[in-house]
Amino acid sequence: MRQVGLVAGAVVTALIATGAITYAVAGDEGSSDAVPAADSADAGFARDMAVHHQQAVEMSYIVRDRTDDEEVRRLAYDIAQTQANQRGMLLGWLDMWELPKVSADPPMTWMGMGGMASGEDGALMPGMATNSEMERLGKLSGKPAEVFYLQLMTDHHKGGVHMAQACVRSCEVGVEKRLSRGMVAGQESEIALMAGMLKERGAAARP
């Protein structure tokens, strides 16, 4: 797990500047030249989604070491790279806005759901895997690891889509709204893909 953190951390560090550059040059609807407040939807989404994405990166690197199935390994690699890149952008914006990367408020407060984030066994936001589930994934191998990863990531994506949709509605920074739209489209597509992969393995998403 430590190696996963080091790899992801290196990617994020390298991409901080990229996030700032993207924010500075990209245009979209919204007040893209305004610096949001610390308690804004823009800042809250950036903080929470950075945490959410970090777990997806960790899960994806775990399953790549637990299976030889090329389809699952390729999906895991794509998810890890995409979400590490997006996490770098989110953290880069917070740096540029000179806003804290952590908040005393519960996760998802910015979208009116601060009291609904369970925090149970390490699951800070809906859709996130618990510490016990992460440990179990690291002990499985082969088809059981593939199925459990696909189920966990399906739940994870559903939670991510819900947050990204809230940013589309409430964020004011244009480029962040555009990124959140891309997250919704990309993760909904992957949810459909994973449903098919689960069916091929005689399984289904968790209820």
Protein backbone atom coordinates (compact mmCIF):
# COMPACT_ATOMS: atom_id res chain seq x y z
CA MET A 1 0.00 0.00 0.00
CA ARG A 2 2.92 2.30 0.76
CA GLN A 3 4.21 1.84 -2.79
CA VAL A 4 0.80 2.78 -4.17
CA GLY A 5 0.83 5.99 -2.13
CA LEU A 6 4.32 6.89 -3.30
CA VAL A 7 3.47 6.33 -6.97
CA ALA A 8 0.21 8.27 -6.77
CA GLY A 9 1.87 11.03 -4.78
CA ALA A 10 4.59 11.43 -7.39
CA VAL A 11 2.01 11.67 -10.16
CA VAL A 12 0.01 14.26 -8.24
CA THR A 13 3.08 16.36 -7.48
CA ALA A 14 4.06 16.39 -11.13
CA LEU A 15 0.56 17.43 -12.18
CA ILE A 16 -0.02 20.27 -9.71
CA ALA A 17 1.39 22.78 -12.18
CA THR A 18 -0.65 21.28 -14.99
CA GLY A 19 -3.84 21.87 -13.04
CA ALA A 20 -2.97 25.51 -12.50
CA ILE A 21 -2.11 26.05 -16.16
CA THR A 22 -5.33 24.39 -17.25
CA TYR A 23 -7.34 26.66 -14.97
CA ALA A 24 -5.59 29.73 -16.25
CA VAL A 25 -6.07 29.13 -19.97
CA ALA A 26 -9.32 27.19 -20.27
CA GLY A 27 -12.63 28.93 -20.68
CA ASP A 28 -16.16 27.74 -20.01
CA GLU A 29 -19.36 29.17 -18.61
CA GLY A 30 -19.12 30.48 -15.07
CA SER A 31 -16.89 33.02 -13.38
CA SER A 32 -13.68 31.28 -14.45
CA ASP A 33 -11.47 34.19 -13.39
CA ALA A 34 -12.85 34.39 -9.84
CA VAL A 35 -11.16 32.84 -6.80
CA PRO A 36 -13.77 30.84 -4.88
CA ALA A 37 -14.27 31.03 -1.13
CA ALA A 38 -13.00 28.29 1.18
CA ASP A 39 -16.58 27.15 1.90
CA SER A 40 -17.72 27.28 -1.75
CA ALA A 41 -18.92 24.34 -3.80
CA ASP A 42 -15.83 24.75 -5.99
CA ALA A 43 -13.42 24.32 -3.08
CA GLY A 44 -15.49 21.60 -1.41
CA PHE A 45 -15.72 19.57 -4.59
CA ALA A 46 -11.98 19.89 -5.23
CA ARG A 47 -11.14 18.72 -1.70
CA ASP A 48 -13.63 15.86 -1.54
CA MET A 49 -13.08 14.55 -5.05
CA ALA A 50 -9.32 14.54 -4.52
CA VAL A 51 -9.84 12.20 -1.55
CA HIS A 52 -12.38 10.12 -3.46
CA HIS A 53 -10.04 9.76 -6.45
CA GLN A 54 -7.09 8.74 -4.27
CA GLN A 55 -8.92 5.62 -3.11
CA ALA A 56 -9.82 4.68 -6.70
CA VAL A 57 -6.14 4.92 -7.63
CA GLU A 58 -5.19 2.69 -4.69
CA MET A 59 -7.86 0.08 -5.49
CA SER A 60 -6.79 -0.03 -9.11
CA TYR A 61 -3.13 -0.61 -8.31
CA ILE A 62 -4.07 -3.33 -5.82
CA VAL A 63 -6.11 -5.34 -8.35
CA ARG A 64 -3.42 -5.02 -11.04
CA ASP A 65 -1.18 -7.05 -8.72
CA ARG A 66 -3.90 -9.60 -7.91
CA THR A 67 -4.94 -10.78 -11.38
CA ASP A 68 -3.45 -11.70 -14.74
CA ASP A 69 -6.65 -10.84 -16.63
CA GLU A 70 -5.65 -8.26 -19.24
CA GLU A 71 -9.13 -6.73 -19.52
CA VAL A 72 -9.32 -5.97 -15.79
CA ARG A 73 -5.68 -4.85 -15.64
CA ARG A 74 -6.22 -2.47 -18.56
CA LEU A 75 -9.36 -0.99 -16.98
CA ALA A 76 -7.58 -0.60 -13.64
CA TYR A 77 -4.65 1.15 -15.31
CA ASP A 78 -6.95 3.54 -17.21
CA ILE A 79 -8.90 4.41 -14.04
CA ALA A 80 -5.73 4.93 -12.02
CA GLN A 81 -4.15 7.21 -14.63
CA THR A 82 -7.30 9.22 -15.30
CA GLN A 83 -8.12 9.79 -11.65
CA ALA A 84 -4.52 10.58 -10.66
CA ASN A 85 -4.44 13.21 -13.41
CA GLN A 86 -7.76 14.72 -12.33
CA ARG A 87 -6.66 14.67 -8.69
CA GLY A 88 -3.59 16.64 -9.65
CA MET A 89 -5.77 19.28 -11.29
CA LEU A 90 -8.04 19.56 -8.26
CA LEU A 91 -5.14 19.94 -5.84
CA GLY A 92 -3.46 22.36 -8.21
CA TRP A 93 -6.51 24.62 -8.22
CA LEU A 94 -6.63 24.61 -4.42
CA ASP A 95 -2.97 25.60 -4.36
CA MET A 96 -3.54 28.39 -6.84
CA TRP A 97 -6.59 29.63 -4.93
CA GLU A 98 -4.48 29.50 -1.73
CA LEU A 99 -7.19 27.44 -0.05
CA PRO A 100 -6.67 24.57 2.43
CA LYS A 101 -6.76 21.01 1.15
CA VAL A 102 -8.57 19.85 4.29
CA SER A 103 -11.60 21.27 6.05
CA ALA A 104 -13.05 21.04 9.54
CA ASP A 105 -16.48 20.54 7.96
CA PRO A 106 -17.66 16.98 7.25
CA PRO A 107 -17.19 15.75 3.66
CA MET A 108 -19.93 16.77 1.21
CA THR A 109 -21.05 19.74 3.36
CA TRP A 110 -20.72 21.89 0.23
CA MET A 111 -23.53 19.89 -1.40
CA GLY A 112 -25.80 19.86 1.66
CA MET A 113 -24.96 16.27 2.64
CA GLY A 114 -22.41 16.81 5.40
CA GLY A 115 -24.45 14.80 7.89
CA MET A 116 -24.88 11.89 5.49
CA ALA A 117 -21.20 11.02 4.98
CA SER A 118 -20.88 7.96 7.19
CA GLY A 119 -17.15 7.73 7.89
CA GLU A 120 -17.85 4.11 8.87
CA ASP A 121 -14.69 1.98 8.87
CA GLY A 122 -12.80 4.54 6.82
CA ALA A 123 -15.48 5.14 4.18
CA LEU A 124 -15.52 8.95 4.29
CA MET A 125 -18.13 9.41 1.56
CA PRO A 126 -20.93 7.32 -0.01
CA GLY A 127 -19.53 4.87 -2.54
CA MET A 128 -16.10 4.70 -0.94
CA ALA A 129 -14.79 1.31 0.14
CA THR A 130 -14.30 0.64 3.85
CA ASN A 131 -10.92 -0.23 5.34
CA SER A 132 -12.10 -3.84 5.71
CA GLU A 133 -13.07 -4.00 2.04
CA MET A 134 -9.71 -2.61 0.98
CA GLU A 135 -7.95 -5.23 3.11
CA ARG A 136 -10.11 -7.98 1.62
CA LEU A 137 -9.33 -6.86 -1.93
CA GLY A 138 -5.63 -7.08 -1.14
CA LYS A 139 -6.00 -10.70 -0.03
CA LEU A 140 -8.04 -11.97 -2.99
CA SER A 141 -6.58 -13.09 -6.29
CA GLY A 142 -7.76 -14.18 -9.73
CA LYS A 143 -11.48 -14.10 -10.52
CA PRO A 144 -12.62 -13.31 -6.93
CA ALA A 145 -10.34 -10.25 -6.93
CA GLU A 146 -11.66 -9.17 -10.33
CA VAL A 147 -15.30 -9.46 -9.27
CA PHE A 148 -14.79 -7.68 -5.95
CA TYR A 149 -12.82 -4.88 -7.59
CA LEU A 150 -15.51 -4.36 -10.23
CA GLN A 151 -18.20 -4.27 -7.54
CA LEU A 152 -16.24 -1.84 -5.37
CA MET A 153 -15.39 0.40 -8.30
CA THR A 154 -18.99 0.42 -9.52
CA ASP A 155 -20.10 1.69 -6.10
CA HIS A 156 -17.19 4.14 -6.07
CA HIS A 157 -18.09 5.54 -9.49
CA LYS A 158 -21.75 5.93 -8.52
CA GLY A 159 -20.71 8.04 -5.54
CA GLY A 160 -18.32 10.02 -7.73
CA VAL A 161 -20.97 10.68 -10.37
CA HIS A 162 -23.33 11.99 -7.68
CA MET A 163 -20.70 14.45 -6.45
CA ALA A 164 -19.70 15.51 -9.95
CA GLN A 165 -23.34 16.18 -10.86
CA ALA A 166 -23.60 18.40 -7.77
CA CYS A 167 -20.58 20.38 -8.98
CA VAL A 168 -22.13 20.77 -12.42
CA ARG A 169 -25.13 22.36 -10.69
CA SER A 170 -23.35 24.41 -8.04
CA CYS A 171 -19.74 25.14 -8.95
CA GLU A 172 -18.99 28.57 -10.44
CA VAL A 173 -15.48 28.11 -11.84
CA GLY A 174 -16.02 27.32 -15.50
CA VAL A 175 -13.18 24.86 -16.03
CA GLU A 176 -14.13 22.94 -12.89
CA LYS A 177 -17.69 22.60 -14.13
CA ARG A 178 -16.30 21.27 -17.40
CA LEU A 179 -14.09 18.75 -15.61
CA SER A 180 -17.03 17.56 -13.52
CA ARG A 181 -19.12 17.03 -16.66
CA GLY A 182 -16.32 14.93 -18.08
CA MET A 183 -16.22 12.89 -14.87
CA VAL A 184 -19.95 12.18 -15.12
CA ALA A 185 -19.71 11.02 -18.73
CA GLY A 186 -16.55 8.98 -18.23
CA GLN A 187 -17.61 7.25 -15.04
CA GLU A 188 -21.13 6.46 -16.27
CA SER A 189 -19.55 4.84 -19.33
CA GLU A 190 -17.24 2.79 -17.11
CA ILE A 191 -20.16 1.73 -14.89
CA ALA A 192 -21.85 0.27 -17.97
CA LEU A 193 -18.59 -1.40 -19.02
CA MET A 194 -18.09 -2.93 -15.58
CA ALA A 195 -21.67 -4.26 -15.55
CA GLY A 196 -20.82 -6.23 -18.68
CA MET A 197 -17.54 -7.44 -17.21
CA LEU A 198 -19.31 -8.62 -14.06
CA LYS A 199 -21.92 -10.45 -16.11
CA GLU A 200 -19.17 -12.25 -18.03
CA ARG A 201 -17.85 -13.46 -14.68
CA GLY A 202 -21.26 -14.67 -13.46
CA ALA A 203 -21.68 -11.78 -11.05
CA ALA A 204 -23.45 -8.42 -10.75
CA ALA A 205 -23.10 -5.05 -9.06
CA ARG A 206 -23.97 -4.99 -5.38
CA PRO A 207 -27.52 -3.83 -4.53
